[in-house]
């Protein structure tokens, strides 16, 4: 049976491969979105700009943004279930996801989908403000076209889409583990993940302690601001005797 480090590494390899593809796909989506938004400027009126949120959602749809988000949530997220069950088995627990879990998982997925929907809408609002500013100043079409390009390139979604995706995957993976952990019985939490040049000092210290944690200690570490976005580490639940047998220090 693979240990937690091996299970984590298998999942991480899948995630890394997906993120590399996602990063390239995001660039293509934004390039198409920029062209579509700019082509829609011809003959645009102030009334059109006042309802630009609707126009922008059509741009996102036609550029493939929603397809990309659904691929992240409906495909990549589903790759994480097997690893979660294997992790529980490595920790001494025999378990499986239930029908009740499935309902909760769909809610978790929808929350992530809503998050990316809002990110896209925020870009549309920024473009709307830019366009309205130009129309009341009677700016030229060329000026508005350049304004859209600058707004899109400067948006958080364009700059941090990869970070948002990595964070969403990591959060969902931990949420799925936590969801099943509440029903498997008594145990302790261990902190698992890569320790390299990109590892934050905070996570490096937690990894180096190689300790077990109770629920409140896990929550405190998870919520620490020094851990924050894009964390590559996971908490796994183990039976205490399994954790000790695997070299973790019981505190």
C-alpha atoms as a PDB file:
ATOM      1  CA  UNK A   1       0.000   0.000   0.000  1.00  0.00           C
ATOM      2  CA  UNK A   2       1.450   3.442  -0.911  1.00  0.00           C
ATOM      3  CA  UNK A   3       2.189   5.804   1.967  1.00  0.00           C
ATOM      4  CA  UNK A   4       0.833   9.345   2.286  1.00  0.00           C
ATOM      5  CA  UNK A   5       3.866  10.924   0.613  1.00  0.00           C
ATOM      6  CA  UNK A   6       3.426   8.693  -2.436  1.00  0.00           C
ATOM      7  CA  UNK A   7      -0.324   9.354  -2.607  1.00  0.00           C
ATOM      8  CA  UNK A   8       0.255  13.092  -2.275  1.00  0.00           C
ATOM      9  CA  UNK A   9       2.903  12.982  -5.034  1.00  0.00           C
ATOM     10  CA  UNK A  10       0.581  11.118  -7.396  1.00  0.00           C
ATOM     11  CA  UNK A  11      -2.168  13.682  -6.910  1.00  0.00           C
ATOM     12  CA  UNK A  12       0.286  16.572  -7.212  1.00  0.00           C
ATOM     13  CA  UNK A  13       1.613  15.236 -10.522  1.00  0.00           C
ATOM     14  CA  UNK A  14      -1.935  15.176 -11.921  1.00  0.00           C
ATOM     15  CA  UNK A  15      -2.622  18.681 -10.635  1.00  0.00           C
ATOM     16  CA  UNK A  16       0.655  20.069 -12.008  1.00  0.00           C
ATOM     17  CA  UNK A  17      -0.041  18.622 -15.464  1.00  0.00           C
ATOM     18  CA  UNK A  18      -3.533  20.087 -15.486  1.00  0.00           C
ATOM     19  CA  UNK A  19      -2.352  23.507 -14.324  1.00  0.00           C
ATOM     20  CA  UNK A  20       0.235  23.681 -17.098  1.00  0.00           C
ATOM     21  CA  UNK A  21      -2.517  23.090 -19.632  1.00  0.00           C
ATOM     22  CA  UNK A  22      -4.911  25.437 -17.812  1.00  0.00           C
ATOM     23  CA  UNK A  23      -2.334  28.237 -17.868  1.00  0.00           C
ATOM     24  CA  UNK A  24      -1.996  27.989 -21.635  1.00  0.00           C
ATOM     25  CA  UNK A  25      -5.742  27.737 -22.130  1.00  0.00           C
ATOM     26  CA  UNK A  26      -6.345  30.870 -20.047  1.00  0.00           C
ATOM     27  CA  UNK A  27      -4.054  32.869 -22.335  1.00  0.00           C
ATOM     28  CA  UNK A  28      -6.021  31.677 -25.375  1.00  0.00           C
ATOM     29  CA  UNK A  29      -9.348  32.486 -23.693  1.00  0.00           C
ATOM     30  CA  UNK A  30      -8.267  36.016 -22.808  1.00  0.00           C
ATOM     31  CA  UNK A  31      -6.876  36.600 -26.278  1.00  0.00           C
ATOM     32  CA  UNK A  32     -10.245  35.600 -27.768  1.00  0.00           C
ATOM     33  CA  UNK A  33     -12.130  37.641 -25.171  1.00  0.00           C
ATOM     34  CA  UNK A  34     -10.100  40.732 -26.020  1.00  0.00           C
ATOM     35  CA  UNK A  35     -10.809  40.342 -29.736  1.00  0.00           C
ATOM     36  CA  UNK A  36     -14.523  39.724 -29.170  1.00  0.00           C
ATOM     37  CA  UNK A  37     -14.877  42.659 -26.771  1.00  0.00           C
ATOM     38  CA  UNK A  38     -13.053  44.991 -29.124  1.00  0.00           C
ATOM     39  CA  UNK A  39     -15.073  43.890 -32.159  1.00  0.00           C
ATOM     40  CA  UNK A  40     -18.286  44.591 -30.225  1.00  0.00           C
ATOM     41  CA  UNK A  41     -17.316  48.262 -29.846  1.00  0.00           C
ATOM     42  CA  UNK A  42     -18.438  49.252 -33.333  1.00  0.00           C
ATOM     43  CA  UNK A  43     -21.672  51.202 -32.942  1.00  0.00           C
ATOM     44  CA  UNK A  44     -21.831  50.690 -29.184  1.00  0.00           C
ATOM     45  CA  UNK A  45     -24.036  53.232 -27.397  1.00  0.00           C
ATOM     46  CA  UNK A  46     -24.148  54.545 -23.853  1.00  0.00           C
ATOM     47  CA  UNK A  47     -27.224  52.387 -23.267  1.00  0.00           C
ATOM     48  CA  UNK A  48     -25.241  49.354 -24.401  1.00  0.00           C
ATOM     49  CA  UNK A  49     -22.463  50.251 -21.979  1.00  0.00           C
ATOM     50  CA  UNK A  50     -24.902  50.616 -19.106  1.00  0.00           C
ATOM     51  CA  UNK A  51     -25.911  46.988 -19.656  1.00  0.00           C
ATOM     52  CA  UNK A  52     -22.381  45.875 -20.504  1.00  0.00           C
ATOM     53  CA  UNK A  53     -22.431  43.085 -17.886  1.00  0.00           C
ATOM     54  CA  UNK A  54     -24.698  41.110 -20.240  1.00  0.00           C
ATOM     55  CA  UNK A  55     -22.503  41.799 -23.248  1.00  0.00           C
ATOM     56  CA  UNK A  56     -19.413  40.781 -21.285  1.00  0.00           C
ATOM     57  CA  UNK A  57     -20.953  37.477 -20.198  1.00  0.00           C
ATOM     58  CA  UNK A  58     -21.609  36.705 -23.860  1.00  0.00           C
ATOM     59  CA  UNK A  59     -17.960  37.515 -24.556  1.00  0.00           C
ATOM     60  CA  UNK A  60     -16.843  35.163 -21.788  1.00  0.00           C
ATOM     61  CA  UNK A  61     -19.144  32.436 -23.093  1.00  0.00           C
ATOM     62  CA  UNK A  62     -17.992  32.785 -26.687  1.00  0.00           C
ATOM     63  CA  UNK A  63     -14.327  32.966 -25.696  1.00  0.00           C
ATOM     64  CA  UNK A  64     -14.566  29.628 -23.878  1.00  0.00           C
ATOM     65  CA  UNK A  65     -14.145  30.938 -20.336  1.00  0.00           C
ATOM     66  CA  UNK A  66     -17.080  29.047 -18.855  1.00  0.00           C
ATOM     67  CA  UNK A  67     -16.028  25.856 -20.619  1.00  0.00           C
ATOM     68  CA  UNK A  68     -12.578  26.233 -19.062  1.00  0.00           C
ATOM     69  CA  UNK A  69     -14.049  26.773 -15.577  1.00  0.00           C
ATOM     70  CA  UNK A  70     -16.304  23.730 -15.980  1.00  0.00           C
ATOM     71  CA  UNK A  71     -13.325  21.652 -17.072  1.00  0.00           C
ATOM     72  CA  UNK A  72     -11.534  22.667 -13.883  1.00  0.00           C
ATOM     73  CA  UNK A  73     -14.476  21.898 -11.611  1.00  0.00           C
ATOM     74  CA  UNK A  74     -16.160  18.958 -13.329  1.00  0.00           C
ATOM     75  CA  UNK A  75     -13.055  17.151 -14.583  1.00  0.00           C
ATOM     76  CA  UNK A  76     -10.030  18.047 -12.484  1.00  0.00           C
ATOM     77  CA  UNK A  77     -11.867  18.088  -9.176  1.00  0.00           C
ATOM     78  CA  UNK A  78     -13.159  14.576  -9.884  1.00  0.00           C
ATOM     79  CA  UNK A  79      -9.573  13.327 -10.157  1.00  0.00           C
ATOM     80  CA  UNK A  80      -9.103  13.934  -6.428  1.00  0.00           C
ATOM     81  CA  UNK A  81     -11.586  11.439  -4.978  1.00  0.00           C
ATOM     82  CA  UNK A  82      -9.479   8.325  -5.482  1.00  0.00           C
ATOM     83  CA  UNK A  83      -6.442   9.899  -3.845  1.00  0.00           C
ATOM     84  CA  UNK A  84      -8.519  10.937  -0.845  1.00  0.00           C
ATOM     85  CA  UNK A  85      -9.766   7.389  -0.252  1.00  0.00           C
ATOM     86  CA  UNK A  86      -6.251   5.979  -0.685  1.00  0.00           C
ATOM     87  CA  UNK A  87      -4.999   8.502   1.870  1.00  0.00           C
ATOM     88  CA  UNK A  88      -7.553   7.327   4.410  1.00  0.00           C
ATOM     89  CA  UNK A  89      -6.540   3.709   3.769  1.00  0.00           C
ATOM     90  CA  UNK A  90      -2.883   4.628   4.311  1.00  0.00           C
ATOM     91  CA  UNK A  91      -3.935   6.224   7.589  1.00  0.00           C
ATOM     92  CA  UNK A  92      -5.631   3.042   8.797  1.00  0.00           C
ATOM     93  CA  UNK A  93      -9.227   3.882   7.865  1.00  0.00           C
ATOM     94  CA  UNK A  94     -11.534   1.977   5.529  1.00  0.00           C
ATOM     95  CA  UNK A  95     -14.112   4.354   4.098  1.00  0.00           C
ATOM     96  CA  UNK A  96     -16.038   5.476   1.017  1.00  0.00           C
ATOM     97  CA  UNK A  97     -17.975   8.537  -0.051  1.00  0.00           C
ATOM     98  CA  UNK A  98     -21.708   8.394   0.607  1.00  0.00           C
ATOM     99  CA  UNK A  99     -24.755   9.729  -1.198  1.00  0.00           C
ATOM    100  CA  UNK A 100     -24.954  12.463   1.430  1.00  0.00           C
ATOM    101  CA  UNK A 101     -21.322  13.338   0.716  1.00  0.00           C
ATOM    102  CA  UNK A 102     -22.116  13.597  -2.994  1.00  0.00           C
ATOM    103  CA  UNK A 103     -24.792  16.221  -2.321  1.00  0.00           C
ATOM    104  CA  UNK A 104     -22.399  18.276  -0.206  1.00  0.00           C
ATOM    105  CA  UNK A 105     -19.656  17.917  -2.807  1.00  0.00           C
ATOM    106  CA  UNK A 106     -21.945  19.372  -5.475  1.00  0.00           C
ATOM    107  CA  UNK A 107     -22.539  22.380  -3.217  1.00  0.00           C
ATOM    108  CA  UNK A 108     -18.777  22.800  -2.756  1.00  0.00           C
ATOM    109  CA  UNK A 109     -18.314  22.634  -6.520  1.00  0.00           C
ATOM    110  CA  UNK A 110     -20.999  25.238  -7.116  1.00  0.00           C
ATOM    111  CA  UNK A 111     -19.354  27.590  -4.636  1.00  0.00           C
ATOM    112  CA  UNK A 112     -16.114  27.328  -6.627  1.00  0.00           C
ATOM    113  CA  UNK A 113     -18.028  27.844  -9.875  1.00  0.00           C
ATOM    114  CA  UNK A 114     -19.680  30.951  -8.413  1.00  0.00           C
ATOM    115  CA  UNK A 115     -16.257  32.254  -7.381  1.00  0.00           C
ATOM    116  CA  UNK A 116     -14.943  32.080 -10.955  1.00  0.00           C
ATOM    117  CA  UNK A 117     -18.219  33.564 -12.217  1.00  0.00           C
ATOM    118  CA  UNK A 118     -17.659  36.577  -9.939  1.00  0.00           C
ATOM    119  CA  UNK A 119     -14.052  36.894 -11.092  1.00  0.00           C
ATOM    120  CA  UNK A 120     -15.266  37.101 -14.668  1.00  0.00           C
ATOM    121  CA  UNK A 121     -18.020  39.560 -13.759  1.00  0.00           C
ATOM    122  CA  UNK A 122     -15.513  41.786 -11.962  1.00  0.00           C
ATOM    123  CA  UNK A 123     -13.527  42.110 -15.186  1.00  0.00           C
ATOM    124  CA  UNK A 124     -16.718  43.073 -17.017  1.00  0.00           C
ATOM    125  CA  UNK A 125     -17.453  45.809 -14.483  1.00  0.00           C
ATOM    126  CA  UNK A 126     -13.930  47.172 -14.889  1.00  0.00           C
ATOM    127  CA  UNK A 127     -14.327  47.243 -18.680  1.00  0.00           C
ATOM    128  CA  UNK A 128     -17.732  48.899 -18.280  1.00  0.00           C
ATOM    129  CA  UNK A 129     -16.234  51.705 -16.168  1.00  0.00           C
ATOM    130  CA  UNK A 130     -13.443  52.173 -18.678  1.00  0.00           C
ATOM    131  CA  UNK A 131     -15.827  52.356 -21.626  1.00  0.00           C
ATOM    132  CA  UNK A 132     -18.258  54.720 -19.924  1.00  0.00           C
ATOM    133  CA  UNK A 133     -15.422  57.047 -19.012  1.00  0.00           C
ATOM    134  CA  UNK A 134     -14.380  57.133 -22.669  1.00  0.00           C
ATOM    135  CA  UNK A 135     -17.886  57.614 -24.085  1.00  0.00           C
ATOM    136  CA  UNK A 136     -18.672  60.631 -21.914  1.00  0.00           C
ATOM    137  CA  UNK A 137     -15.351  62.082 -23.054  1.00  0.00           C
ATOM    138  CA  UNK A 138     -16.308  61.266 -26.672  1.00  0.00           C
ATOM    139  CA  UNK A 139     -13.139  59.222 -27.112  1.00  0.00           C
ATOM    140  CA  UNK A 140     -12.298  57.582 -30.429  1.00  0.00           C
ATOM    141  CA  UNK A 141     -12.872  53.908 -31.205  1.00  0.00           C
ATOM    142  CA  UNK A 142      -9.103  53.374 -31.180  1.00  0.00           C
ATOM    143  CA  UNK A 143      -8.873  54.818 -27.664  1.00  0.00           C
ATOM    144  CA  UNK A 144     -11.679  52.597 -26.383  1.00  0.00           C
ATOM    145  CA  UNK A 145     -10.108  49.564 -28.055  1.00  0.00           C
ATOM    146  CA  UNK A 146      -6.808  50.231 -26.302  1.00  0.00           C
ATOM    147  CA  UNK A 147      -8.677  50.852 -23.044  1.00  0.00           C
ATOM    148  CA  UNK A 148     -10.249  47.400 -23.190  1.00  0.00           C
ATOM    149  CA  UNK A 149      -6.879  45.783 -23.862  1.00  0.00           C
ATOM    150  CA  UNK A 150      -5.270  47.560 -20.904  1.00  0.00           C
ATOM    151  CA  UNK A 151      -8.143  46.763 -18.558  1.00  0.00           C
ATOM    152  CA  UNK A 152      -8.118  43.074 -19.455  1.00  0.00           C
ATOM    153  CA  UNK A 153      -4.360  42.745 -19.169  1.00  0.00           C
ATOM    154  CA  UNK A 154      -4.375  44.502 -15.788  1.00  0.00           C
ATOM    155  CA  UNK A 155      -7.229  42.467 -14.316  1.00  0.00           C
ATOM    156  CA  UNK A 156      -6.659  40.107 -11.405  1.00  0.00           C
ATOM    157  CA  UNK A 157      -8.150  37.252 -13.404  1.00  0.00           C
ATOM    158  CA  UNK A 158      -5.640  37.713 -16.222  1.00  0.00           C
ATOM    159  CA  UNK A 159      -2.692  38.050 -13.851  1.00  0.00           C
ATOM    160  CA  UNK A 160      -3.604  35.440 -11.253  1.00  0.00           C
ATOM    161  CA  UNK A 161      -5.796  32.875 -13.033  1.00  0.00           C
ATOM    162  CA  UNK A 162      -3.208  30.133 -12.431  1.00  0.00           C
ATOM    163  CA  UNK A 163      -3.009  30.963  -8.713  1.00  0.00           C
ATOM    164  CA  UNK A 164      -6.798  31.002  -8.436  1.00  0.00           C
ATOM    165  CA  UNK A 165      -7.005  27.588 -10.115  1.00  0.00           C
ATOM    166  CA  UNK A 166      -4.270  26.023  -7.945  1.00  0.00           C
ATOM    167  CA  UNK A 167      -5.909  27.462  -4.828  1.00  0.00           C
ATOM    168  CA  UNK A 168      -9.367  26.224  -5.851  1.00  0.00           C
ATOM    169  CA  UNK A 169      -8.041  22.708  -6.469  1.00  0.00           C
ATOM    170  CA  UNK A 170      -6.187  22.682  -3.153  1.00  0.00           C
ATOM    171  CA  UNK A 171      -9.171  23.977  -1.206  1.00  0.00           C
ATOM    172  CA  UNK A 172     -11.505  21.446  -2.784  1.00  0.00           C
ATOM    173  CA  UNK A 173      -9.087  18.582  -2.164  1.00  0.00           C
ATOM    174  CA  UNK A 174      -8.868  19.497   1.524  1.00  0.00           C
ATOM    175  CA  UNK A 175     -12.635  20.042   1.771  1.00  0.00           C
ATOM    176  CA  UNK A 176     -13.279  16.557   0.370  1.00  0.00           C
ATOM    177  CA  UNK A 177     -10.825  15.039   2.867  1.00  0.00           C
ATOM    178  CA  UNK A 178     -12.418  16.988   5.728  1.00  0.00           C
ATOM    179  CA  UNK A 179     -15.908  15.949   4.645  1.00  0.00           C
ATOM    180  CA  UNK A 180     -15.108  12.237   4.890  1.00  0.00           C
ATOM    181  CA  UNK A 181     -12.827  12.630   7.923  1.00  0.00           C
ATOM    182  CA  UNK A 182     -15.677  13.549  10.227  1.00  0.00           C
ATOM    183  CA  UNK A 183     -17.198  10.058   9.837  1.00  0.00           C
ATOM    184  CA  UNK A 184     -14.161   7.767   9.916  1.00  0.00           C
ATOM    185  CA  UNK A 185     -13.581   7.834  13.676  1.00  0.00           C
ATOM    186  CA  UNK A 186     -10.962   9.119  16.085  1.00  0.00           C
ATOM    187  CA  UNK A 187      -7.601  10.092  14.684  1.00  0.00           C
ATOM    188  CA  UNK A 188      -4.958  12.779  14.287  1.00  0.00           C
ATOM    189  CA  UNK A 189      -3.940  15.060  11.457  1.00  0.00           C
ATOM    190  CA  UNK A 190      -0.550  15.114   9.730  1.00  0.00           C
ATOM    191  CA  UNK A 191       0.834  17.751   7.363  1.00  0.00           C
ATOM    192  CA  UNK A 192       2.115  16.417   4.045  1.00  0.00           C
ATOM    193  CA  UNK A 193       3.637  18.053   0.995  1.00  0.00           C
ATOM    194  CA  UNK A 194       6.597  19.112  -1.037  1.00  0.00           C
ATOM    195  CA  UNK A 195       9.539  20.853   0.648  1.00  0.00           C
ATOM    196  CA  UNK A 196      11.576  22.715  -1.960  1.00  0.00           C
ATOM    197  CA  UNK A 197      12.792  26.189  -2.844  1.00  0.00           C
ATOM    198  CA  UNK A 198       9.235  27.448  -3.310  1.00  0.00           C
ATOM    199  CA  UNK A 199       8.012  26.243   0.084  1.00  0.00           C
ATOM    200  CA  UNK A 200       7.037  29.059   2.424  1.00  0.00           C
ATOM    201  CA  UNK A 201       8.994  29.357   5.678  1.00  0.00           C
ATOM    202  CA  UNK A 202       5.765  28.769   7.599  1.00  0.00           C
ATOM    203  CA  UNK A 203       5.050  25.477   5.852  1.00  0.00           C
ATOM    204  CA  UNK A 204       8.694  24.450   6.065  1.00  0.00           C
ATOM    205  CA  UNK A 205       8.556  24.808   9.849  1.00  0.00           C
ATOM    206  CA  UNK A 206       5.347  22.774  10.084  1.00  0.00           C
ATOM    207  CA  UNK A 207       6.811  20.033   7.887  1.00  0.00           C
ATOM    208  CA  UNK A 208      10.080  19.932   9.838  1.00  0.00           C
ATOM    209  CA  UNK A 209       8.244  19.376  13.141  1.00  0.00           C
ATOM    210  CA  UNK A 210       6.723  16.172  11.696  1.00  0.00           C
ATOM    211  CA  UNK A 211       4.044  16.206  14.389  1.00  0.00           C
ATOM    212  CA  UNK A 212       0.438  15.105  14.711  1.00  0.00           C
ATOM    213  CA  UNK A 213      -2.355  17.645  15.286  1.00  0.00           C
ATOM    214  CA  UNK A 214      -5.861  17.635  16.714  1.00  0.00           C
ATOM    215  CA  UNK A 215      -8.801  19.376  15.028  1.00  0.00           C
ATOM    216  CA  UNK A 216      -8.244  22.771  16.640  1.00  0.00           C
ATOM    217  CA  UNK A 217      -4.497  22.755  15.902  1.00  0.00           C
ATOM    218  CA  UNK A 218      -5.207  21.823  12.286  1.00  0.00           C
ATOM    219  CA  UNK A 219      -7.693  24.704  11.973  1.00  0.00           C
ATOM    220  CA  UNK A 220      -5.211  27.164  13.450  1.00  0.00           C
ATOM    221  CA  UNK A 221      -2.469  26.168  11.006  1.00  0.00           C
ATOM    222  CA  UNK A 222      -4.866  26.148   8.033  1.00  0.00           C
ATOM    223  CA  UNK A 223      -6.103  29.640   8.882  1.00  0.00           C
ATOM    224  CA  UNK A 224      -2.695  31.219   9.393  1.00  0.00           C
ATOM    225  CA  UNK A 225      -2.171  34.146   7.016  1.00  0.00           C
ATOM    226  CA  UNK A 226       1.414  33.006   6.334  1.00  0.00           C
ATOM    227  CA  UNK A 227      -0.010  29.917   4.620  1.00  0.00           C
ATOM    228  CA  UNK A 228      -2.554  31.775   2.485  1.00  0.00           C
ATOM    229  CA  UNK A 229      -3.054  31.298  -1.256  1.00  0.00           C
ATOM    230  CA  UNK A 230      -1.523  28.621  -3.435  1.00  0.00           C
ATOM    231  CA  UNK A 231      -0.449  26.328  -0.608  1.00  0.00           C
ATOM    232  CA  UNK A 232       0.658  22.952  -1.955  1.00  0.00           C
ATOM    233  CA  UNK A 233       0.362  21.082   1.351  1.00  0.00           C
ATOM    234  CA  UNK A 234      -2.479  18.970   2.683  1.00  0.00           C
ATOM    235  CA  UNK A 235      -3.716  17.696   6.014  1.00  0.00           C
ATOM    236  CA  UNK A 236      -4.466  13.964   6.094  1.00  0.00           C
ATOM    237  CA  UNK A 237      -6.182  12.104   8.908  1.00  0.00           C
ATOM    238  CA  UNK A 238      -4.578   8.986  10.387  1.00  0.00           C
ATOM    239  CA  UNK A 239      -5.182   6.671  13.276  1.00  0.00           C
ATOM    240  CA  UNK A 240      -2.815   7.740  16.032  1.00  0.00           C
ATOM    241  CA  UNK A 241      -0.978   4.419  16.107  1.00  0.00           C
ATOM    242  CA  UNK A 242      -0.504   4.544  12.326  1.00  0.00           C
ATOM    243  CA  UNK A 243       0.889   8.053  12.548  1.00  0.00           C
ATOM    244  CA  UNK A 244       3.388   7.051  15.230  1.00  0.00           C
ATOM    245  CA  UNK A 245       4.365   3.957  13.234  1.00  0.00           C
ATOM    246  CA  UNK A 246       5.041   6.216  10.236  1.00  0.00           C
ATOM    247  CA  UNK A 247       7.427   8.415  12.202  1.00  0.00           C
ATOM    248  CA  UNK A 248       5.181  11.280  13.270  1.00  0.00           C
ATOM    249  CA  UNK A 249       5.733  12.737  16.728  1.00  0.00           C
ATOM    250  CA  UNK A 250       2.655  12.659  18.933  1.00  0.00           C
ATOM    251  CA  UNK A 251       2.220  15.954  20.784  1.00  0.00           C
END
